[in-house]
Amino acid sequence: MTELSRDEAEAFVQAVVQLASMADRALPQRSSPLTRRLSEHLGGVGDDVSSTSMSVPVVERVNVQLALDAFAASTDRFDVIGLQSDIGNYGGVSLTGMVTGSWHGPGEAARQYVAVDIGVGESIDCLKSGLVLTGIDGEPVVALMYASENYRQELIVEVVGATQAAADGFLARLRELMHEHNAFRGKVVAFSFGMHGEFGLTFVKLPAVGRDDVVLGPGELEAIEAHSIGITEHADGLRAAGQHVKRGLLLYGPPGTGKTHTISYLVGAMRDRTTIILAGGAVGAVGQAGTIARSLQPATIVIEDVDLIAMDRQLPGGDHNALLFQLLNEMDGLAEDADVLFVLTTNRVEMLEPALAARPGRIDQAIEISLPDARARRRLVELYTRRPLDPHNASDDDLVERLDGVAPAFIKELARRAQLVELRGEESSSTSSLVVALDAMLEHATPVLRRSLAGPADD
């Protein structure tokens, strides 16, 4: 037996490794119908496969589907292959592996779809995972779409083309169509969060609020409209004059005075805008909201109780609030011609960071939504009871006077209680249902409220 030299031994080992690698690639190609189908569509592939990919939040699944539907409508070369919906659980899943035959995971499966909302009460069927066989500019491409099962919950789209230009071109076109057909544009959406921080978007139907349904102090509504609706209507003219249209509006005042009610009116009056609502725990999504607003402008970002993330840095703990800096960065980072309106509300304006509340360019207009005066209280009673008060009735005047110091929310509840009094037959010829209801509400009101009203004294 002839002993091999060191160089000969190394060459022999390298040849064995190369043969094993070739066999490993060739065997799946011969045995996998999926690999053969993909290879035939692409016109045959070698070891070097041209590919590109993107990952987006799973919430974008609906926009990927809308983009694919739009692309399918523009071509006669479009086929969909189903894959197992849990394919993201398999390690190393990749389209390049499927095309070259190095993918040892599951193959074709029945197409599975999931209904995803595109509006309130509207949905479309979206492919859970699968392959799209199509082409662009005369060159074949294959696209793989599946949801990763990691904690970030991403949607992966990988594209392989006969050339790199084809792969890049198809993905670029898909992004364009996602933007063009975005399901969130012009809608009202709110954020929701999962236990691992992944976020979703839900479509919101706000109550219909007309201008006559908004009862504020003298000049307050007009000032709010000028800064929101007015700039929206004249955005093009302002840009042409070199003026910016990005802006911030702060509504502050005691609880229940109508801040959220006023926002519902503004959103309804500016229907063509994309509106993102951040409230409660979702206020932490200000970064994601800013990204969506910039992409889908004209847009409005509503942040309820902004003091939760924008507390004065001089207060205990305020200097460690990273969300404050995120909010400031989002407001400062907008382009001058970006039609993005921030509407912020707070019950505790004294706690806000001065760099936010006292700086034009961030908050350009701050309106106090105060407790209603006598005129406003009379209008609110008529609005919520849907009946006029008699201007010459002393009892009605006394009722309006007794409501001095309450918020509109209290008057709205009073109207509901009065209706219950009438349904139960508890009113009398001498005492109106409103008076009966008000007496009962004041009897059980909190001590703070009773001290502020002309009601029963607090023992």
Protein backbone atom coordinates (compact mmCIF):
# COMPACT_ATOMS: atom_id res chain seq x y z
CA MET A 1 0.00 0.00 0.00
CA THR A 2 1.43 3.31 -1.11
CA GLU A 3 1.56 5.96 1.58
CA LEU A 4 0.16 9.36 0.50
CA SER A 5 2.13 12.51 1.00
CA ARG A 6 0.64 15.24 3.16
CA ASP A 7 -0.32 17.33 0.14
CA GLU A 8 -1.90 14.32 -1.56
CA ALA A 9 -3.87 13.49 1.61
CA GLU A 10 -5.20 17.03 1.90
CA ALA A 11 -6.19 17.00 -1.78
CA PHE A 12 -7.99 13.70 -1.30
CA VAL A 13 -9.94 14.97 1.73
CA GLN A 14 -10.91 18.13 -0.15
CA ALA A 15 -12.15 16.08 -3.11
CA VAL A 16 -14.28 13.89 -0.80
CA VAL A 17 -15.79 16.97 0.85
CA GLN A 18 -16.62 18.47 -2.53
CA LEU A 19 -18.25 15.25 -3.73
CA ALA A 20 -20.28 15.00 -0.52
CA SER A 21 -21.41 18.59 -0.92
CA MET A 22 -22.40 17.99 -4.53
CA ALA A 23 -24.32 14.86 -3.58
CA ASP A 24 -26.07 16.67 -0.76
CA ARG A 25 -27.23 19.37 -3.17
CA ALA A 26 -28.17 16.98 -5.95
CA LEU A 27 -30.23 14.52 -3.93
CA PRO A 28 -32.93 16.97 -2.76
CA GLN A 29 -33.11 18.45 -6.24
CA ARG A 30 -33.91 15.05 -7.66
CA SER A 31 -36.30 14.10 -4.86
CA SER A 32 -38.20 17.35 -4.18
CA PRO A 33 -41.10 18.25 -6.48
CA LEU A 34 -41.11 21.75 -4.95
CA THR A 35 -37.47 22.33 -5.82
CA ARG A 36 -38.01 21.13 -9.39
CA ARG A 37 -41.04 23.36 -9.80
CA LEU A 38 -39.23 26.44 -8.54
CA SER A 39 -36.16 25.69 -10.64
CA GLU A 40 -38.27 25.23 -13.77
CA HIS A 41 -40.05 28.53 -13.15
CA LEU A 42 -36.73 30.34 -12.79
CA GLY A 43 -35.30 28.68 -15.88
CA GLY A 44 -32.74 26.67 -13.93
CA VAL A 45 -30.42 27.91 -11.21
CA GLY A 46 -26.86 27.26 -10.18
CA ASP A 47 -25.20 27.40 -6.82
CA ASP A 48 -25.31 31.20 -6.73
CA VAL A 49 -28.88 32.36 -6.30
CA SER A 50 -29.84 36.01 -6.60
CA SER A 51 -32.04 36.95 -3.63
CA THR A 52 -33.20 39.79 -1.42
CA SER A 53 -35.55 40.00 1.54
CA MET A 54 -37.41 42.24 3.95
CA SER A 55 -39.03 41.80 7.36
CA VAL A 56 -42.00 43.82 8.55
CA PRO A 57 -44.24 43.65 11.63
CA VAL A 58 -46.96 41.02 11.29
CA VAL A 59 -49.49 43.86 11.40
CA GLU A 60 -48.33 44.61 7.84
CA ARG A 61 -49.62 41.24 6.60
CA VAL A 62 -52.74 42.92 5.26
CA ASN A 63 -50.68 45.43 3.29
CA VAL A 64 -48.47 42.70 1.84
CA GLN A 65 -51.60 40.87 0.71
CA LEU A 66 -53.11 44.01 -0.80
CA ALA A 67 -49.84 44.62 -2.65
CA LEU A 68 -49.76 41.04 -3.97
CA ASP A 69 -53.38 41.32 -5.09
CA ALA A 70 -52.60 44.54 -6.93
CA PHE A 71 -49.53 43.00 -8.57
CA ALA A 72 -51.54 39.91 -9.60
CA ALA A 73 -54.11 42.15 -11.27
CA SER A 74 -51.36 43.69 -13.42
CA THR A 75 -49.90 40.47 -14.80
CA ASP A 76 -51.02 37.17 -16.31
CA ARG A 77 -48.08 35.35 -14.75
CA PHE A 78 -49.00 34.77 -11.11
CA ASP A 79 -49.32 31.50 -9.20
CA VAL A 80 -49.49 30.76 -5.48
CA ILE A 81 -48.15 27.64 -3.76
CA GLY A 82 -49.31 26.91 -0.22
CA LEU A 83 -46.90 26.00 2.59
CA GLN A 84 -47.50 24.84 6.13
CA SER A 85 -48.71 27.80 8.16
CA ASP A 86 -46.20 27.02 10.95
CA ILE A 87 -43.22 26.86 8.61
CA GLY A 88 -41.62 29.63 10.65
CA ASN A 89 -41.10 27.05 13.43
CA TYR A 90 -38.57 25.21 11.27
CA GLY A 91 -35.01 26.35 11.63
CA GLY A 92 -33.17 27.69 8.63
CA VAL A 93 -36.22 28.22 6.44
CA SER A 94 -35.17 30.07 3.32
CA LEU A 95 -36.29 30.43 -0.25
CA THR A 96 -32.74 30.04 -1.54
CA GLY A 97 -32.64 26.67 0.18
CA MET A 98 -35.90 25.64 -1.46
CA VAL A 99 -34.65 26.69 -4.88
CA THR A 100 -31.23 25.02 -4.61
CA GLY A 101 -32.53 21.90 -2.87
CA SER A 102 -30.74 22.36 0.46
CA TRP A 103 -34.03 22.92 2.29
CA HIS A 104 -35.07 19.76 4.15
CA GLY A 105 -38.26 21.10 5.66
CA PRO A 106 -41.88 20.58 4.60
CA GLY A 107 -42.94 21.07 1.00
CA GLU A 108 -46.21 22.11 -0.58
CA ALA A 109 -49.42 22.18 1.46
CA ALA A 110 -52.97 23.41 1.05
CA ARG A 111 -53.22 27.18 0.97
CA GLN A 112 -54.30 28.57 4.33
CA TYR A 113 -55.77 32.03 4.75
CA VAL A 114 -56.64 34.21 7.72
CA ALA A 115 -59.22 37.01 7.72
CA VAL A 116 -57.55 40.35 8.53
CA ASP A 117 -59.35 43.64 9.05
CA ILE A 118 -58.97 46.46 6.56
CA GLY A 119 -61.46 48.70 8.37
CA VAL A 120 -64.28 48.56 10.89
CA GLY A 121 -66.40 45.60 9.84
CA GLU A 122 -64.29 44.96 6.72
CA SER A 123 -61.73 42.22 6.16
CA ILE A 124 -59.85 40.36 3.44
CA ASP A 125 -58.33 36.87 3.34
CA CYS A 126 -54.55 36.92 3.72
CA LEU A 127 -52.24 34.04 2.91
CA LYS A 128 -50.62 32.68 6.07
CA SER A 129 -47.52 31.39 4.31
CA GLY A 130 -46.70 30.45 0.78
CA LEU A 131 -44.77 30.98 -2.42
CA VAL A 132 -45.62 33.32 -5.28
CA LEU A 133 -44.38 32.46 -8.75
CA THR A 134 -44.46 35.49 -11.01
CA GLY A 135 -42.19 37.77 -12.99
CA ILE A 136 -41.17 41.38 -13.44
CA ASP A 137 -39.80 43.14 -16.53
CA GLY A 138 -39.86 39.84 -18.40
CA GLU A 139 -37.74 37.98 -15.83
CA PRO A 140 -39.08 35.25 -13.51
CA VAL A 141 -39.11 35.67 -9.73
CA VAL A 142 -40.29 33.63 -6.76
CA ALA A 143 -41.35 35.19 -3.46
CA LEU A 144 -41.63 33.38 -0.12
CA MET A 145 -43.82 34.82 2.64
CA TYR A 146 -44.13 33.46 6.18
CA ALA A 147 -44.43 34.65 9.77
CA SER A 148 -41.45 34.13 12.02
CA GLU A 149 -42.25 32.56 15.34
CA ASN A 150 -39.79 34.56 17.41
CA TYR A 151 -40.93 36.98 20.07
CA ARG A 152 -40.82 39.90 17.61
CA GLN A 153 -43.56 38.39 15.41
CA GLU A 154 -42.27 39.51 12.03
CA LEU A 155 -43.47 38.77 8.53
CA ILE A 156 -40.60 37.66 6.30
CA VAL A 157 -40.64 38.17 2.53
CA GLU A 158 -37.74 36.64 0.59
CA VAL A 159 -37.43 37.02 -3.18
CA VAL A 160 -35.32 34.97 -5.59
CA GLY A 161 -34.96 36.03 -9.19
CA ALA A 162 -33.33 34.82 -12.35
CA THR A 163 -31.12 37.89 -11.85
CA GLN A 164 -30.38 40.14 -8.89
CA ALA A 165 -32.05 43.01 -10.72
CA ALA A 166 -35.26 40.99 -10.98
CA ALA A 167 -35.25 40.08 -7.28
CA ASP A 168 -34.54 43.67 -6.21
CA GLY A 169 -37.06 45.06 -8.68
CA PHE A 170 -39.90 42.84 -7.50
CA LEU A 171 -39.31 43.65 -3.83
CA ALA A 172 -39.11 47.36 -4.61
CA ARG A 173 -42.39 47.15 -6.53
CA LEU A 174 -43.99 45.25 -3.65
CA ARG A 175 -43.00 48.02 -1.24
CA GLU A 176 -44.46 50.64 -3.58
CA LEU A 177 -47.76 48.76 -3.78
CA MET A 178 -47.84 48.29 0.00
CA HIS A 179 -47.61 52.06 0.39
CA GLU A 180 -50.07 52.78 -2.40
CA HIS A 181 -52.74 50.36 -1.10
CA ASN A 182 -52.02 50.71 2.63
CA ALA A 183 -55.10 49.59 4.58
CA PHE A 184 -54.48 52.14 7.36
CA ARG A 185 -54.44 55.24 5.15
CA GLY A 186 -57.34 57.59 5.93
CA LYS A 187 -58.56 55.35 8.78
CA VAL A 188 -58.67 55.75 12.56
CA VAL A 189 -56.45 53.19 14.26
CA ALA A 190 -55.31 52.40 17.78
CA PHE A 191 -52.38 50.36 19.06
CA SER A 192 -52.56 47.13 21.01
CA PHE A 193 -49.65 45.28 22.58
CA GLY A 194 -48.85 41.63 23.29
CA MET A 195 -47.07 40.21 26.31
CA HIS A 196 -43.69 40.30 24.55
CA GLY A 197 -43.98 43.86 23.29
CA GLU A 198 -45.22 43.04 19.79
CA PHE A 199 -47.78 45.53 18.62
CA GLY A 200 -50.91 45.42 16.55
CA LEU A 201 -53.23 47.98 15.03
CA THR A 202 -56.99 47.92 15.39
CA PHE A 203 -59.46 50.01 13.47
CA VAL A 204 -61.57 52.33 15.61
CA LYS A 205 -65.01 53.75 15.03
CA LEU A 206 -65.33 57.01 16.91
CA PRO A 207 -68.76 58.35 17.82
CA ALA A 208 -70.24 60.73 15.27
CA VAL A 209 -69.94 64.22 16.73
CA GLY A 210 -71.20 67.26 14.86
CA ARG A 211 -70.05 70.80 15.42
CA ASP A 212 -73.25 71.67 17.26
CA ASP A 213 -72.55 68.79 19.64
CA VAL A 214 -69.36 70.45 20.89
CA VAL A 215 -70.10 72.92 23.67
CA LEU A 216 -67.03 74.85 24.80
CA GLY A 217 -66.28 78.27 26.18
CA PRO A 218 -66.35 81.42 24.01
CA GLY A 219 -63.80 81.23 21.20
CA GLU A 220 -62.36 77.87 22.28
CA LEU A 221 -63.75 75.74 19.46
CA GLU A 222 -62.92 78.37 16.86
CA ALA A 223 -59.28 78.44 18.02
CA ILE A 224 -59.07 74.65 17.91
CA GLU A 225 -60.56 74.54 14.42
CA ALA A 226 -58.21 77.20 13.10
CA HIS A 227 -55.14 75.25 14.21
CA SER A 228 -56.34 71.86 12.99
CA ILE A 229 -58.96 72.06 10.25
CA GLY A 230 -57.85 75.50 9.03
CA ILE A 231 -54.24 74.54 8.44
CA THR A 232 -55.36 71.30 6.80
CA GLU A 233 -57.53 73.22 4.34
CA HIS A 234 -54.72 75.66 3.46
CA ALA A 235 -51.75 73.29 3.65
CA ASP A 236 -50.78 73.72 0.00
CA GLY A 237 -50.88 77.50 0.22
CA LEU A 238 -48.77 77.51 3.36
CA ARG A 239 -46.16 75.27 1.78
CA ALA A 240 -46.06 77.48 -1.33
CA ALA A 241 -45.38 80.44 0.93
CA GLY A 242 -42.54 78.59 2.63
CA GLN A 243 -44.45 78.01 5.87
CA HIS A 244 -44.47 74.70 7.76
CA VAL A 245 -47.66 72.70 8.29
CA LYS A 246 -46.52 70.33 11.04
CA ARG A 247 -48.06 71.41 14.31
CA GLY A 248 -49.04 70.49 17.86
CA LEU A 249 -52.28 71.20 19.70
CA LEU A 250 -52.67 70.76 23.46
CA LEU A 251 -56.11 70.46 25.06
CA TYR A 252 -56.00 70.70 28.83
CA GLY A 253 -58.45 71.08 31.66
CA PRO A 254 -60.31 69.16 34.38
CA PRO A 255 -61.53 65.61 33.72
CA GLY A 256 -64.80 65.26 31.83
CA THR A 257 -64.80 68.71 30.23
CA GLY A 258 -64.98 67.40 26.67
CA LYS A 259 -61.40 66.99 25.43
CA THR A 260 -61.95 63.52 23.96
CA HIS A 261 -65.40 64.58 22.71
CA THR A 262 -63.80 67.48 20.86
CA ILE A 263 -61.21 65.18 19.30
CA SER A 264 -63.98 62.94 17.97
CA TYR A 265 -65.44 65.99 16.25
CA LEU A 266 -62.07 67.00 14.77
CA VAL A 267 -61.37 63.51 13.44
CA GLY A 268 -64.79 63.38 11.82
CA ALA A 269 -64.31 66.81 10.29
CA MET A 270 -60.95 65.77 8.75
CA ARG A 271 -61.95 62.41 7.28
CA ASP A 272 -59.14 62.13 4.74
CA ARG A 273 -56.44 62.08 7.41
CA THR A 274 -54.89 58.97 8.91
CA THR A 275 -55.49 59.13 12.66
CA ILE A 276 -53.45 57.18 15.21
CA ILE A 277 -54.80 57.13 18.75
CA LEU A 278 -52.48 56.43 21.68
CA ALA A 279 -54.19 55.98 25.03
CA GLY A 280 -53.48 54.08 28.23
CA GLY A 281 -50.58 51.65 27.90
CA ALA A 282 -50.31 52.35 24.17
CA VAL A 283 -48.84 55.83 24.76
CA GLY A 284 -45.46 54.12 24.72
CA ALA A 285 -45.84 53.46 20.99
CA VAL A 286 -45.10 57.06 20.04
CA GLY A 287 -42.17 55.98 17.88
CA GLN A 288 -44.25 53.53 15.84
CA ALA A 289 -47.02 56.12 15.56
CA GLY A 290 -44.59 58.69 14.20
CA THR A 291 -43.34 56.26 11.55
CA ILE A 292 -46.88 55.51 10.37
CA ALA A 293 -47.88 59.18 10.40
CA ARG A 294 -44.93 60.24 8.26
CA SER A 295 -45.65 57.47 5.78
CA LEU A 296 -49.42 58.00 5.56
CA GLN A 297 -49.73 61.77 5.90
CA PRO A 298 -51.79 63.83 6.09
CA ALA A 299 -52.03 62.30 9.54
CA THR A 300 -53.04 63.06 13.10
CA ILE A 301 -51.48 61.53 16.21
CA VAL A 302 -53.72 61.72 19.27
CA ILE A 303 -52.03 61.14 22.62
CA GLU A 304 -54.48 61.00 25.51
CA ASP A 305 -53.13 61.88 28.98
CA VAL A 306 -49.78 62.92 27.54
CA ASP A 307 -48.52 63.68 31.07
CA LEU A 308 -48.00 59.89 31.41
CA ILE A 309 -44.97 60.16 29.10
CA ALA A 310 -44.17 63.89 29.18
CA MET A 311 -43.79 64.67 32.87
CA ASP A 312 -41.63 67.63 33.83
CA ARG A 313 -38.02 66.49 34.10
CA GLN A 314 -37.66 68.48 37.33
CA LEU A 315 -40.22 66.24 39.05
CA PRO A 316 -39.09 63.01 40.77
CA GLY A 317 -38.43 60.38 38.12
CA GLY A 318 -39.02 62.77 35.24
CA ASP A 319 -35.41 62.84 34.15
CA HIS A 320 -35.44 59.10 33.44
CA ASN A 321 -38.48 59.10 31.14
CA ALA A 322 -37.15 57.89 27.80
CA LEU A 323 -40.58 58.22 26.20
CA LEU A 324 -40.48 61.99 26.69
CA PHE A 325 -37.34 62.22 24.57
CA GLN A 326 -38.91 59.88 22.01
CA LEU A 327 -41.93 62.19 21.75
CA LEU A 328 -39.75 65.28 21.40
CA ASN A 329 -37.67 63.56 18.74
CA GLU A 330 -40.77 62.55 16.79
CA MET A 331 -42.10 66.12 16.84
CA ASP A 332 -38.73 67.67 15.98
CA GLY A 333 -37.90 65.08 13.33
CA LEU A 334 -40.82 65.91 11.07
CA ALA A 335 -40.04 67.65 7.81
CA GLU A 336 -41.24 71.23 7.58
CA ASP A 337 -43.75 70.29 4.87
CA ALA A 338 -45.05 67.21 6.71
CA ASP A 339 -48.79 67.52 7.34
CA VAL A 340 -48.75 65.80 10.71
CA LEU A 341 -50.85 67.14 13.56
CA PHE A 342 -50.17 66.14 17.17
CA VAL A 343 -53.22 66.49 19.42
CA LEU A 344 -52.32 66.01 23.07
CA THR A 345 -54.64 66.00 26.08
CA THR A 346 -53.97 66.23 29.78
CA ASN A 347 -55.82 66.82 33.03
CA ARG A 348 -52.60 67.94 34.71
CA VAL A 349 -51.02 70.60 32.56
CA GLU A 350 -48.87 71.80 35.46
CA MET A 351 -46.95 68.51 35.33
CA LEU A 352 -45.94 68.74 31.66
CA GLU A 353 -42.33 69.18 30.59
CA PRO A 354 -41.82 72.85 29.63
CA ALA A 355 -39.71 71.82 26.63
CA LEU A 356 -42.89 70.31 25.22
CA ALA A 357 -45.70 72.54 26.42
CA ALA A 358 -43.99 75.92 26.28
CA ARG A 359 -42.12 75.70 22.99
CA PRO A 360 -43.61 76.78 19.65
CA GLY A 361 -42.81 74.26 16.94
CA ARG A 362 -43.87 71.46 19.23
CA ILE A 363 -47.02 72.76 20.89
CA ASP A 364 -48.10 75.76 18.82
CA GLN A 365 -51.55 76.12 20.37
CA ALA A 366 -52.74 75.26 23.87
CA ILE A 367 -56.45 75.53 24.65
CA GLU A 368 -57.92 75.21 28.11
CA ILE A 369 -61.16 73.22 28.03
CA SER A 370 -62.69 74.75 31.12
CA LEU A 371 -65.76 73.92 33.17
CA PRO A 372 -68.90 75.18 31.42
CA ASP A 373 -70.39 78.55 32.27
CA ALA A 374 -74.16 79.08 32.64
CA ARG A 375 -74.68 79.46 28.89
CA ALA A 376 -72.77 76.30 28.15
CA ARG A 377 -74.49 74.35 30.95
CA ARG A 378 -77.90 75.25 29.52
CA ARG A 379 -76.82 74.12 26.05
CA LEU A 380 -75.42 70.88 27.44
CA VAL A 381 -78.64 70.05 29.29
CA GLU A 382 -80.60 70.65 26.09
CA LEU A 383 -78.11 68.64 24.04
CA TYR A 384 -78.16 65.56 26.24
CA THR A 385 -81.87 65.61 27.10
CA ARG A 386 -82.78 66.45 23.49
CA ARG A 387 -85.34 68.99 24.63
CA PRO A 388 -85.16 72.76 25.08
CA LEU A 389 -85.22 74.48 28.45
CA ASP A 390 -87.71 77.25 28.99
CA PRO A 391 -85.81 80.58 29.26
CA HIS A 392 -88.69 81.96 31.35
CA ASN A 393 -88.93 78.99 33.73
CA ALA A 394 -87.42 79.75 37.15
CA SER A 395 -87.10 76.03 37.88
CA ASP A 396 -84.95 75.51 34.79
CA ASP A 397 -82.83 78.54 35.71
CA ASP A 398 -82.37 77.11 39.21
CA LEU A 399 -81.31 73.75 37.74
CA VAL A 400 -78.68 75.41 35.56
CA GLU A 401 -77.42 77.38 38.55
CA ARG A 402 -77.14 74.25 40.70
CA LEU A 403 -74.93 72.68 38.02
CA ASP A 404 -72.32 75.38 38.43
CA GLY A 405 -68.96 73.65 38.84
CA VAL A 406 -69.74 70.33 37.13
CA ALA A 407 -68.14 68.95 33.99
CA PRO A 408 -70.10 68.11 30.83
CA ALA A 409 -69.68 64.42 31.66
CA PHE A 410 -71.75 65.00 34.81
CA ILE A 411 -74.52 66.66 32.80
CA LYS A 412 -74.52 63.79 30.30
CA GLU A 413 -75.01 61.31 33.14
CA LEU A 414 -77.71 63.55 34.62
CA ALA A 415 -79.66 63.31 31.37
CA ARG A 416 -79.48 59.53 31.47
CA ARG A 417 -80.61 59.40 35.09
CA ALA A 418 -83.48 61.76 34.32
CA GLN A 419 -84.65 59.46 31.55
CA LEU A 420 -84.65 56.56 34.01
CA VAL A 421 -86.69 58.65 36.45
CA GLU A 422 -89.30 59.19 33.75
CA LEU A 423 -89.35 55.52 32.76
CA ARG A 424 -89.90 54.55 36.39
CA GLY A 425 -92.58 57.20 36.89
CA GLU A 426 -90.69 58.81 39.79
CA GLU A 427 -91.24 62.44 38.77
CA SER A 428 -94.12 64.53 40.07
CA SER A 429 -96.17 67.42 38.77
CA SER A 430 -94.11 69.82 40.86
CA THR A 431 -90.66 68.27 40.43
CA SER A 432 -89.09 67.53 37.04
CA SER A 433 -87.19 64.37 36.29
CA LEU A 434 -83.98 66.42 36.01
CA VAL A 435 -84.38 67.80 39.51
CA VAL A 436 -85.16 64.36 40.94
CA ALA A 437 -82.11 62.90 39.22
CA LEU A 438 -79.86 65.79 40.30
CA ASP A 439 -80.95 65.48 43.94
CA ALA A 440 -80.11 61.76 43.88
CA MET A 441 -76.74 62.31 42.21
CA LEU A 442 -75.71 65.00 44.66
CA GLU A 443 -76.81 62.89 47.62
CA HIS A 444 -74.36 60.19 46.62
CA ALA A 445 -71.69 62.42 45.12
CA THR A 446 -68.12 62.45 46.39
CA PRO A 447 -67.36 64.97 49.16
CA VAL A 448 -65.11 66.94 46.80
CA LEU A 449 -67.91 67.36 44.27
CA ARG A 450 -70.50 68.23 46.91
CA ARG A 451 -68.27 70.92 48.34
CA SER A 452 -67.96 72.51 44.91
CA LEU A 453 -71.69 72.56 44.18
CA ALA A 454 -74.77 74.13 45.66
CA GLY A 455 -75.86 70.74 46.91
CA PRO A 456 -76.18 68.98 50.26
CA ALA A 457 -73.47 69.89 52.70
CA ASP A 458 -70.80 67.34 53.51
CA ASP A 459 -71.09 66.07 57.03
